Amino acid sequence: MQTKEQSLCFTGHRSEKLPKTEDGMEKLKLKLWVEIDKAIENGIDTFYFGACYGFDLLCADIVAKRKRVIKMSNPKIIKLIAVIPFEEQASRWKESDREIYYDI
């Protein structure tokens, strides 16, 4: 039996407006990890992200890592879908952001 997709969308600030300190970023990542886990526990199986550097990639990276853990421990189909405005959008980003983008 096919079930209805439950989805959630991420979009937010670019890197310039995210926490500047390593501690601040770690706190943000931990909060996101907790919220993403809650979403999955509540039946969310599809995650859309705006595919821009900063918050969008941060969320997508956490979902991608979470997918790997779920696949091994409790098999579920979790989809991560990039909503990109045009194919070459990452070409002018700094290298570290491009690496995350292309990894996802």
PDB file of N, CA and C in Angstrom:
ATOM      1  N   MET A   1       0.831  -1.173   0.000  1.00  0.00           N
ATOM      2  CA  MET A   1       0.000   0.000   0.000  1.00  0.00           C
ATOM      3  C   MET A   1       0.884   1.249   0.000  1.00  0.00           C
ATOM      4  N   GLN A   2       0.587   2.167  -0.869  1.00  0.00           N
ATOM      5  CA  GLN A   2       1.357   3.399  -0.959  1.00  0.00           C
ATOM      6  C   GLN A   2       0.826   4.412   0.052  1.00  0.00           C
ATOM      7  N   THR A   3       1.743   5.066   0.755  1.00  0.00           N
ATOM      8  CA  THR A   3       1.328   6.079   1.717  1.00  0.00           C
ATOM      9  C   THR A   3       1.590   7.468   1.152  1.00  0.00           C
ATOM     10  N   LYS A   4       0.868   8.427   1.680  1.00  0.00           N
ATOM     11  CA  LYS A   4       1.014   9.806   1.224  1.00  0.00           C
ATOM     12  C   LYS A   4       2.319  10.394   1.756  1.00  0.00           C
ATOM     13  N   GLU A   5       3.008  11.103   0.889  1.00  0.00           N
ATOM     14  CA  GLU A   5       4.254  11.772   1.259  1.00  0.00           C
ATOM     15  C   GLU A   5       3.981  12.890   2.264  1.00  0.00           C
ATOM     16  N   GLN A   6       4.797  12.970   3.285  1.00  0.00           N
ATOM     17  CA  GLN A   6       4.752  14.062   4.258  1.00  0.00           C
ATOM     18  C   GLN A   6       6.036  14.854   4.072  1.00  0.00           C
ATOM     19  N   SER A   7       5.932  16.149   3.816  1.00  0.00           N
ATOM     20  CA  SER A   7       7.135  16.901   3.468  1.00  0.00           C
ATOM     21  C   SER A   7       7.367  18.117   4.354  1.00  0.00           C
ATOM     22  N   LEU A   8       8.612  18.570   4.318  1.00  0.00           N
ATOM     23  CA  LEU A   8       9.058  19.733   5.057  1.00  0.00           C
ATOM     24  C   LEU A   8      10.049  20.476   4.167  1.00  0.00           C
ATOM     25  N   CYS A   9      10.049  21.790   4.228  1.00  0.00           N
ATOM     26  CA  CYS A   9      10.925  22.596   3.376  1.00  0.00           C
ATOM     27  C   CYS A   9      11.845  23.461   4.232  1.00  0.00           C
ATOM     28  N   PHE A  10      13.118  23.552   3.822  1.00  0.00           N
ATOM     29  CA  PHE A  10      14.090  24.416   4.492  1.00  0.00           C
ATOM     30  C   PHE A  10      14.489  25.560   3.580  1.00  0.00           C
ATOM     31  N   THR A  11      14.554  26.745   4.112  1.00  0.00           N
ATOM     32  CA  THR A  11      15.218  27.874   3.462  1.00  0.00           C
ATOM     33  C   THR A  11      15.532  28.873   4.568  1.00  0.00           C
ATOM     34  N   GLY A  12      16.575  29.631   4.369  1.00  0.00           N
ATOM     35  CA  GLY A  12      16.952  30.571   5.428  1.00  0.00           C
ATOM     36  C   GLY A  12      18.098  31.465   5.028  1.00  0.00           C
ATOM     37  N   HIS A  13      18.756  32.007   6.036  1.00  0.00           N
ATOM     38  CA  HIS A  13      19.837  32.967   5.820  1.00  0.00           C
ATOM     39  C   HIS A  13      21.039  32.347   5.113  1.00  0.00           C
ATOM     40  N   ARG A  14      21.764  33.178   4.431  1.00  0.00           N
ATOM     41  CA  ARG A  14      23.028  32.770   3.822  1.00  0.00           C
ATOM     42  C   ARG A  14      24.091  32.729   4.921  1.00  0.00           C
ATOM     43  N   SER A  15      25.247  32.211   4.611  1.00  0.00           N
ATOM     44  CA  SER A  15      26.320  32.018   5.597  1.00  0.00           C
ATOM     45  C   SER A  15      26.669  33.286   6.365  1.00  0.00           C
ATOM     46  N   GLU A  16      26.598  34.430   5.708  1.00  0.00           N
ATOM     47  CA  GLU A  16      26.987  35.693   6.343  1.00  0.00           C
ATOM     48  C   GLU A  16      26.147  36.029   7.574  1.00  0.00           C
ATOM     49  N   LYS A  17      24.939  35.510   7.642  1.00  0.00           N
ATOM     50  CA  LYS A  17      24.051  35.832   8.765  1.00  0.00           C
ATOM     51  C   LYS A  17      23.915  34.692   9.773  1.00  0.00           C
ATOM     52  N   LEU A  18      24.652  33.618   9.567  1.00  0.00           N
ATOM     53  CA  LEU A  18      24.645  32.509  10.521  1.00  0.00           C
ATOM     54  C   LEU A  18      25.644  32.818  11.634  1.00  0.00           C
ATOM     55  N   PRO A  19      25.606  32.070  12.745  1.00  0.00           N
ATOM     56  CA  PRO A  19      26.556  32.330  13.830  1.00  0.00           C
ATOM     57  C   PRO A  19      28.003  32.340  13.327  1.00  0.00           C
ATOM     58  N   LYS A  20      28.782  33.262  13.854  1.00  0.00           N
ATOM     59  CA  LYS A  20      30.176  33.430  13.411  1.00  0.00           C
ATOM     60  C   LYS A  20      31.151  32.523  14.151  1.00  0.00           C
ATOM     61  N   THR A  21      30.784  32.109  15.361  1.00  0.00           N
ATOM     62  CA  THR A  21      31.704  31.292  16.151  1.00  0.00           C
ATOM     63  C   THR A  21      31.443  29.806  15.925  1.00  0.00           C
ATOM     64  N   GLU A  22      32.470  29.018  16.163  1.00  0.00           N
ATOM     65  CA  GLU A  22      32.326  27.562  16.036  1.00  0.00           C
ATOM     66  C   GLU A  22      31.301  27.040  17.042  1.00  0.00           C
ATOM     67  N   ASP A  23      31.331  27.597  18.254  1.00  0.00           N
ATOM     68  CA  ASP A  23      30.384  27.189  19.289  1.00  0.00           C
ATOM     69  C   ASP A  23      28.946  27.517  18.874  1.00  0.00           C
ATOM     70  N   GLY A  24      28.754  28.698  18.313  1.00  0.00           N
ATOM     71  CA  GLY A  24      27.427  29.096  17.848  1.00  0.00           C
ATOM     72  C   GLY A  24      26.910  28.195  16.747  1.00  0.00           C
ATOM     73  N   MET A  25      27.787  27.831  15.816  1.00  0.00           N
ATOM     74  CA  MET A  25      27.387  26.931  14.725  1.00  0.00           C
ATOM     75  C   MET A  25      27.067  25.540  15.255  1.00  0.00           C
ATOM     76  N   GLU A  26      27.857  25.056  16.206  1.00  0.00           N
ATOM     77  CA  GLU A  26      27.597  23.729  16.777  1.00  0.00           C
ATOM     78  C   GLU A  26      26.249  23.695  17.492  1.00  0.00           C
ATOM     79  N   LYS A  27      25.913  24.772  18.202  1.00  0.00           N
ATOM     80  CA  LYS A  27      24.608  24.840  18.877  1.00  0.00           C
ATOM     81  C   LYS A  27      23.471  24.830  17.856  1.00  0.00           C
ATOM     82  N   LEU A  28      23.640  25.585  16.768  1.00  0.00           N
ATOM     83  CA  LEU A  28      22.625  25.611  15.709  1.00  0.00           C
ATOM     84  C   LEU A  28      22.472  24.231  15.076  1.00  0.00           C
ATOM     85  N   LYS A  29      23.594  23.578  14.769  1.00  0.00           N
ATOM     86  CA  LYS A  29      23.545  22.239  14.166  1.00  0.00           C
ATOM     87  C   LYS A  29      22.836  21.250  15.092  1.00  0.00           C
ATOM     88  N   LEU A  30      23.137  21.315  16.376  1.00  0.00           N
ATOM     89  CA  LEU A  30      22.501  20.406  17.337  1.00  0.00           C
ATOM     90  C   LEU A  30      20.988  20.636  17.376  1.00  0.00           C
ATOM     91  N   LYS A  31      20.567  21.910  17.397  1.00  0.00           N
ATOM     92  CA  LYS A  31      19.129  22.216  17.390  1.00  0.00           C
ATOM     93  C   LYS A  31      18.470  21.685  16.119  1.00  0.00           C
ATOM     94  N   LEU A  32      19.136  21.881  14.986  1.00  0.00           N
ATOM     95  CA  LEU A  32      18.590  21.387  13.719  1.00  0.00           C
ATOM     96  C   LEU A  32      18.502  19.868  13.719  1.00  0.00           C
ATOM     97  N   TRP A  33      19.537  19.198  14.204  1.00  0.00           N
ATOM     98  CA  TRP A  33      19.548  17.731  14.263  1.00  0.00           C
ATOM     99  C   TRP A  33      18.344  17.240  15.071  1.00  0.00           C
ATOM    100  N   VAL A  34      18.100  17.872  16.227  1.00  0.00           N
ATOM    101  CA  VAL A  34      16.975  17.490  17.092  1.00  0.00           C
ATOM    102  C   VAL A  34      15.646  17.705  16.365  1.00  0.00           C
ATOM    103  N   GLU A  35      15.484  18.857  15.716  1.00  0.00           N
ATOM    104  CA  GLU A  35      14.228  19.158  15.019  1.00  0.00           C
ATOM    105  C   GLU A  35      14.011  18.243  13.812  1.00  0.00           C
ATOM    106  N   ILE A  36      15.078  17.923  13.095  1.00  0.00           N
ATOM    107  CA  ILE A  36      14.964  17.009  11.953  1.00  0.00           C
ATOM    108  C   ILE A  36      14.580  15.616  12.441  1.00  0.00           C
ATOM    109  N   ASP A  37      15.180  15.177  13.542  1.00  0.00           N
ATOM    110  CA  ASP A  37      14.798  13.884  14.122  1.00  0.00           C
ATOM    111  C   ASP A  37      13.324  13.869  14.524  1.00  0.00           C
ATOM    112  N   LYS A  38      12.860  14.961  15.138  1.00  0.00           N
ATOM    113  CA  LYS A  38      11.440  15.048  15.526  1.00  0.00           C
ATOM    114  C   LYS A  38      10.546  14.957  14.292  1.00  0.00           C
ATOM    115  N   ALA A  39      10.937  15.656  13.241  1.00  0.00           N
ATOM    116  CA  ALA A  39      10.138  15.634  12.008  1.00  0.00           C
ATOM    117  C   ALA A  39      10.039  14.215  11.459  1.00  0.00           C
ATOM    118  N   ILE A  40      11.160  13.509  11.437  1.00  0.00           N
ATOM    119  CA  ILE A  40      11.167  12.126  10.932  1.00  0.00           C
ATOM    120  C   ILE A  40      10.295  11.238  11.820  1.00  0.00           C
ATOM    121  N   GLU A  41      10.432  11.396  13.133  1.00  0.00           N
ATOM    122  CA  GLU A  41       9.610  10.610  14.063  1.00  0.00           C
ATOM    123  C   GLU A  41       8.121  10.893  13.874  1.00  0.00           C
ATOM    124  N   ASN A  42       7.791  12.103  13.438  1.00  0.00           N
ATOM    125  CA  ASN A  42       6.390  12.487  13.218  1.00  0.00           C
ATOM    126  C   ASN A  42       5.903  12.199  11.805  1.00  0.00           C
ATOM    127  N   GLY A  43       6.685  11.442  11.044  1.00  0.00           N
ATOM    128  CA  GLY A  43       6.213  10.984   9.741  1.00  0.00           C
ATOM    129  C   GLY A  43       6.698  11.749   8.526  1.00  0.00           C
ATOM    130  N   ILE A  44       7.535  12.768   8.720  1.00  0.00           N
ATOM    131  CA  ILE A  44       8.080  13.480   7.562  1.00  0.00           C
ATOM    132  C   ILE A  44       9.048  12.542   6.848  1.00  0.00           C
ATOM    133  N   ASP A  45       8.838  12.372   5.537  1.00  0.00           N
ATOM    134  CA  ASP A  45       9.728  11.483   4.783  1.00  0.00           C
ATOM    135  C   ASP A  45      10.364  12.169   3.576  1.00  0.00           C
ATOM    136  N   THR A  46       9.993  13.420   3.333  1.00  0.00           N
ATOM    137  CA  THR A  46      10.534  14.153   2.190  1.00  0.00           C
ATOM    138  C   THR A  46      10.949  15.544   2.651  1.00  0.00           C
ATOM    139  N   PHE A  47      12.199  15.899   2.370  1.00  0.00           N
ATOM    140  CA  PHE A  47      12.743  17.198   2.753  1.00  0.00           C
ATOM    141  C   PHE A  47      13.155  17.955   1.499  1.00  0.00           C
ATOM    142  N   TYR A  48      12.642  19.160   1.353  1.00  0.00           N
ATOM    143  CA  TYR A  48      13.017  20.046   0.246  1.00  0.00           C
ATOM    144  C   TYR A  48      13.930  21.127   0.815  1.00  0.00           C
ATOM    145  N   PHE A  49      14.956  21.494   0.057  1.00  0.00           N
ATOM    146  CA  PHE A  49      15.798  22.599   0.509  1.00  0.00           C
ATOM    147  C   PHE A  49      16.088  23.529  -0.656  1.00  0.00           C
ATOM    148  N   GLY A  50      16.255  24.814  -0.326  1.00  0.00           N
ATOM    149  CA  GLY A  50      16.421  25.849  -1.338  1.00  0.00           C
ATOM    150  C   GLY A  50      17.726  25.812  -2.098  1.00  0.00           C
ATOM    151  N   ALA A  51      18.637  24.950  -1.724  1.00  0.00           N
ATOM    152  CA  ALA A  51      19.887  24.713  -2.453  1.00  0.00           C
ATOM    153  C   ALA A  51      20.767  25.945  -2.576  1.00  0.00           C
ATOM    154  N   CYS A  52      20.768  26.784  -1.550  1.00  0.00           N
ATOM    155  CA  CYS A  52      21.685  27.920  -1.547  1.00  0.00           C
ATOM    156  C   CYS A  52      22.620  27.762  -0.346  1.00  0.00           C
ATOM    157  N   TYR A  53      23.782  28.392  -0.422  1.00  0.00           N
ATOM    158  CA  TYR A  53      24.751  28.268   0.664  1.00  0.00           C
ATOM    159  C   TYR A  53      24.181  28.888   1.939  1.00  0.00           C
ATOM    160  N   GLY A  54      24.665  28.426   3.056  1.00  0.00           N
ATOM    161  CA  GLY A  54      24.180  28.907   4.345  1.00  0.00           C
ATOM    162  C   GLY A  54      23.219  27.914   4.968  1.00  0.00           C
ATOM    163  N   PHE A  55      22.112  28.420   5.479  1.00  0.00           N
ATOM    164  CA  PHE A  55      21.145  27.599   6.208  1.00  0.00           C
ATOM    165  C   PHE A  55      20.617  26.439   5.367  1.00  0.00           C
ATOM    166  N   ASP A  56      20.330  26.688   4.088  1.00  0.00           N
ATOM    167  CA  ASP A  56      19.786  25.640   3.211  1.00  0.00           C
ATOM    168  C   ASP A  56      20.713  24.426   3.165  1.00  0.00           C
ATOM    169  N   LEU A  57      21.998  24.684   2.888  1.00  0.00           N
ATOM    170  CA  LEU A  57      22.959  23.578   2.795  1.00  0.00           C
ATOM    171  C   LEU A  57      23.205  22.933   4.151  1.00  0.00           C
ATOM    172  N   LEU A  58      23.195  23.727   5.200  1.00  0.00           N
ATOM    173  CA  LEU A  58      23.377  23.192   6.544  1.00  0.00           C
ATOM    174  C   LEU A  58      22.289  22.165   6.860  1.00  0.00           C
ATOM    175  N   CYS A  59      21.042  22.523   6.606  1.00  0.00           N
ATOM    176  CA  CYS A  59      19.923  21.602   6.845  1.00  0.00           C
ATOM    177  C   CYS A  59      20.022  20.364   5.962  1.00  0.00           C
ATOM    178  N   ALA A  60      20.310  20.570   4.689  1.00  0.00           N
ATOM    179  CA  ALA A  60      20.402  19.446   3.755  1.00  0.00           C
ATOM    180  C   ALA A  60      21.512  18.489   4.159  1.00  0.00           C
ATOM    181  N   ASP A  61      22.638  19.029   4.613  1.00  0.00           N
ATOM    182  CA  ASP A  61      23.757  18.189   5.038  1.00  0.00           C
ATOM    183  C   ASP A  61      23.353  17.327   6.233  1.00  0.00           C
ATOM    184  N   ILE A  62      22.620  17.902   7.170  1.00  0.00           N
ATOM    185  CA  ILE A  62      22.163  17.139   8.339  1.00  0.00           C
ATOM    186  C   ILE A  62      21.170  16.058   7.920  1.00  0.00           C
ATOM    187  N   VAL A  63      20.240  16.377   7.030  1.00  0.00           N
ATOM    188  CA  VAL A  63      19.289  15.365   6.548  1.00  0.00           C
ATOM    189  C   VAL A  63      20.041  14.242   5.834  1.00  0.00           C
ATOM    190  N   ALA A  64      21.024  14.585   5.004  1.00  0.00           N
ATOM    191  CA  ALA A  64      21.798  13.564   4.281  1.00  0.00           C
ATOM    192  C   ALA A  64      22.522  12.645   5.263  1.00  0.00           C
ATOM    193  N   LYS A  65      23.103  13.211   6.304  1.00  0.00           N
ATOM    194  CA  LYS A  65      23.784  12.391   7.319  1.00  0.00           C
ATOM    195  C   LYS A  65      22.771  11.539   8.076  1.00  0.00           C
ATOM    196  N   ARG A  66      21.631  12.111   8.384  1.00  0.00           N
ATOM    197  CA  ARG A  66      20.588  11.371   9.106  1.00  0.00           C
ATOM    198  C   ARG A  66      20.061  10.210   8.267  1.00  0.00           C
ATOM    199  N   LYS A  67      19.954  10.435   6.961  1.00  0.00           N
ATOM    200  CA  LYS A  67      19.497   9.368   6.057  1.00  0.00           C
ATOM    201  C   LYS A  67      20.409   8.156   6.151  1.00  0.00           C
ATOM    202  N   ARG A  68      21.712   8.399   6.219  1.00  0.00           N
ATOM    203  CA  ARG A  68      22.669   7.284   6.296  1.00  0.00           C
ATOM    204  C   ARG A  68      22.493   6.494   7.586  1.00  0.00           C
ATOM    205  N   VAL A  69      22.264   7.184   8.700  1.00  0.00           N
ATOM    206  CA  VAL A  69      22.057   6.515   9.985  1.00  0.00           C
ATOM    207  C   VAL A  69      20.769   5.707   9.950  1.00  0.00           C
ATOM    208  N   ILE A  70      19.701   6.300   9.437  1.00  0.00           N
ATOM    209  CA  ILE A  70      18.407   5.614   9.362  1.00  0.00           C
ATOM    210  C   ILE A  70      18.500   4.390   8.468  1.00  0.00           C
ATOM    211  N   LYS A  71      19.196   4.516   7.358  1.00  0.00           N
ATOM    212  CA  LYS A  71      19.304   3.408   6.412  1.00  0.00           C
ATOM    213  C   LYS A  71      19.899   2.174   7.081  1.00  0.00           C
ATOM    214  N   MET A  72      20.843   2.396   7.984  1.00  0.00           N
ATOM    215  CA  MET A  72      21.501   1.270   8.641  1.00  0.00           C
ATOM    216  C   MET A  72      20.716   0.761   9.846  1.00  0.00           C
ATOM    217  N   SER A  73      20.151   1.657  10.644  1.00  0.00           N
ATOM    218  CA  SER A  73      19.547   1.246  11.905  1.00  0.00           C
ATOM    219  C   SER A  73      18.052   0.940  11.825  1.00  0.00           C
ATOM    220  N   ASN A  74      17.339   1.654  10.973  1.00  0.00           N
ATOM    221  CA  ASN A  74      15.888   1.505  10.900  1.00  0.00           C
ATOM    222  C   ASN A  74      15.449   1.887   9.492  1.00  0.00           C
ATOM    223  N   PRO A  75      15.564   0.970   8.555  1.00  0.00           N
ATOM    224  CA  PRO A  75      15.340   1.322   7.146  1.00  0.00           C
ATOM    225  C   PRO A  75      14.008   2.023   6.880  1.00  0.00           C
ATOM    226  N   LYS A  76      14.114   3.228   6.347  1.00  0.00           N
ATOM    227  CA  LYS A  76      12.978   4.043   5.921  1.00  0.00           C
ATOM    228  C   LYS A  76      13.437   4.754   4.667  1.00  0.00           C
ATOM    229  N   ILE A  77      12.508   5.137   3.861  1.00  0.00           N
ATOM    230  CA  ILE A  77      12.868   5.932   2.694  1.00  0.00           C
ATOM    231  C   ILE A  77      12.705   7.396   3.066  1.00  0.00           C
ATOM    232  N   ILE A  78      13.828   8.095   3.113  1.00  0.00           N
ATOM    233  CA  ILE A  78      13.843   9.530   3.369  1.00  0.00           C
ATOM    234  C   ILE A  78      14.372  10.182   2.100  1.00  0.00           C
ATOM    235  N   LYS A  79      13.591  11.108   1.544  1.00  0.00           N
ATOM    236  CA  LYS A  79      14.001  11.793   0.314  1.00  0.00           C
ATOM    237  C   LYS A  79      14.476  13.202   0.643  1.00  0.00           C
ATOM    238  N   LEU A  80      15.552  13.609  -0.039  1.00  0.00           N
ATOM    239  CA  LEU A  80      16.092  14.955   0.081  1.00  0.00           C
ATOM    240  C   LEU A  80      16.099  15.549  -1.319  1.00  0.00           C
ATOM    241  N   ILE A  81      15.333  16.611  -1.515  1.00  0.00           N
ATOM    242  CA  ILE A  81      15.146  17.168  -2.855  1.00  0.00           C
ATOM    243  C   ILE A  81      15.613  18.621  -2.886  1.00  0.00           C
ATOM    244  N   ALA A  82      16.543  18.910  -3.800  1.00  0.00           N
ATOM    245  CA  ALA A  82      17.041  20.276  -3.983  1.00  0.00           C
ATOM    246  C   ALA A  82      16.126  21.024  -4.943  1.00  0.00           C
ATOM    247  N   VAL A  83      15.739  22.212  -4.557  1.00  0.00           N
ATOM    248  CA  VAL A  83      14.927  23.076  -5.416  1.00  0.00           C
ATOM    249  C   VAL A  83      15.874  24.172  -5.908  1.00  0.00           C
ATOM    250  N   ILE A  84      16.474  23.934  -7.081  1.00  0.00           N
ATOM    251  CA  ILE A  84      17.507  24.853  -7.568  1.00  0.00           C
ATOM    252  C   ILE A  84      16.966  25.773  -8.655  1.00  0.00           C
ATOM    253  N   PRO A  85      17.352  27.050  -8.614  1.00  0.00           N
ATOM    254  CA  PRO A  85      16.849  27.999  -9.608  1.00  0.00           C
ATOM    255  C   PRO A  85      17.491  27.823 -10.984  1.00  0.00           C
ATOM    256  N   PHE A  86      18.764  27.425 -11.019  1.00  0.00           N
ATOM    257  CA  PHE A  86      19.442  27.171 -12.290  1.00  0.00           C
ATOM    258  C   PHE A  86      20.663  26.295 -12.028  1.00  0.00           C
ATOM    259  N   GLU A  87      21.078  25.561 -13.030  1.00  0.00           N
ATOM    260  CA  GLU A  87      22.079  24.512 -12.864  1.00  0.00           C
ATOM    261  C   GLU A  87      23.431  25.002 -12.342  1.00  0.00           C
ATOM    262  N   GLU A  88      23.894  26.145 -12.773  1.00  0.00           N
ATOM    263  CA  GLU A  88      25.229  26.620 -12.397  1.00  0.00           C
ATOM    264  C   GLU A  88      25.225  27.553 -11.190  1.00  0.00           C
ATOM    265  N   GLN A  89      24.209  27.523 -10.378  1.00  0.00           N
ATOM    266  CA  GLN A  89      24.116  28.490  -9.290  1.00  0.00           C
ATOM    267  C   GLN A  89      25.302  28.445  -8.327  1.00  0.00           C
ATOM    268  N   ALA A  90      25.910  27.290  -8.126  1.00  0.00           N
ATOM    269  CA  ALA A  90      27.005  27.176  -7.157  1.00  0.00           C
ATOM    270  C   ALA A  90      28.366  27.557  -7.732  1.00  0.00           C
ATOM    271  N   SER A  91      28.433  27.864  -8.994  1.00  0.00           N
ATOM    272  CA  SER A  91      29.730  28.090  -9.647  1.00  0.00           C
ATOM    273  C   SER A  91      30.525  29.254  -9.054  1.00  0.00           C
ATOM    274  N   ARG A  92      29.877  30.226  -8.442  1.00  0.00           N
ATOM    275  CA  ARG A  92      30.590  31.388  -7.889  1.00  0.00           C
ATOM    276  C   ARG A  92      30.720  31.345  -6.366  1.00  0.00           C
ATOM    277  N   TRP A  93      30.277  30.292  -5.765  1.00  0.00           N
ATOM    278  CA  TRP A  93      30.363  30.175  -4.311  1.00  0.00           C
ATOM    279  C   TRP A  93      31.783  29.847  -3.894  1.00  0.00           C
ATOM    280  N   LYS A  94      32.072  30.032  -2.596  1.00  0.00           N
ATOM    281  CA  LYS A  94      33.386  29.623  -2.104  1.00  0.00           C
ATOM    282  C   LYS A  94      33.463  28.096  -2.128  1.00  0.00           C
ATOM    283  N   GLU A  95      34.674  27.600  -2.196  1.00  0.00           N
ATOM    284  CA  GLU A  95      34.908  26.172  -2.409  1.00  0.00           C
ATOM    285  C   GLU A  95      34.248  25.289  -1.347  1.00  0.00           C
ATOM    286  N   SER A  96      34.319  25.688  -0.079  1.00  0.00           N
ATOM    287  CA  SER A  96      33.744  24.845   0.979  1.00  0.00           C
ATOM    288  C   SER A  96      32.229  24.680   0.808  1.00  0.00           C
ATOM    289  N   ASP A  97      31.544  25.743   0.375  1.00  0.00           N
ATOM    290  CA  ASP A  97      30.101  25.641   0.128  1.00  0.00           C
ATOM    291  C   ASP A  97      29.810  24.774  -1.091  1.00  0.00           C
ATOM    292  N   ARG A  98      30.631  24.896  -2.128  1.00  0.00           N
ATOM    293  CA  ARG A  98      30.441  24.067  -3.330  1.00  0.00           C
ATOM    294  C   ARG A  98      30.634  22.589  -3.012  1.00  0.00           C
ATOM    295  N   GLU A  99      31.611  22.278  -2.159  1.00  0.00           N
ATOM    296  CA  GLU A  99      31.851  20.874  -1.786  1.00  0.00           C
ATOM    297  C   GLU A  99      30.620  20.273  -1.121  1.00  0.00           C
ATOM    298  N   ILE A 100      30.023  20.996  -0.190  1.00  0.00           N
ATOM    299  CA  ILE A 100      28.809  20.505   0.476  1.00  0.00           C
ATOM    300  C   ILE A 100      27.688  20.350  -0.543  1.00  0.00           C
ATOM    301  N   TYR A 101      27.519  21.354  -1.385  1.00  0.00           N
ATOM    302  CA  TYR A 101      26.463  21.360  -2.406  1.00  0.00           C
ATOM    303  C   TYR A 101      26.566  20.136  -3.312  1.00  0.00           C
ATOM    304  N   TYR A 102      27.762  19.877  -3.831  1.00  0.00           N
ATOM    305  CA  TYR A 102      27.923  18.760  -4.761  1.00  0.00           C
ATOM    306  C   TYR A 102      27.930  17.409  -4.049  1.00  0.00           C
ATOM    307  N   ASP A 103      28.286  17.398  -2.763  1.00  0.00           N
ATOM    308  CA  ASP A 103      28.226  16.160  -1.983  1.00  0.00           C
ATOM    309  C   ASP A 103      26.786  15.699  -1.787  1.00  0.00           C
ATOM    310  N   ILE A 104      25.914  16.661  -1.584  1.00  0.00           N
ATOM    311  CA  ILE A 104      24.504  16.359  -1.328  1.00  0.00           C
ATOM    312  C   ILE A 104      23.851  15.946  -2.625  1.00  0.00           C
TER     313      ILE A 104
END
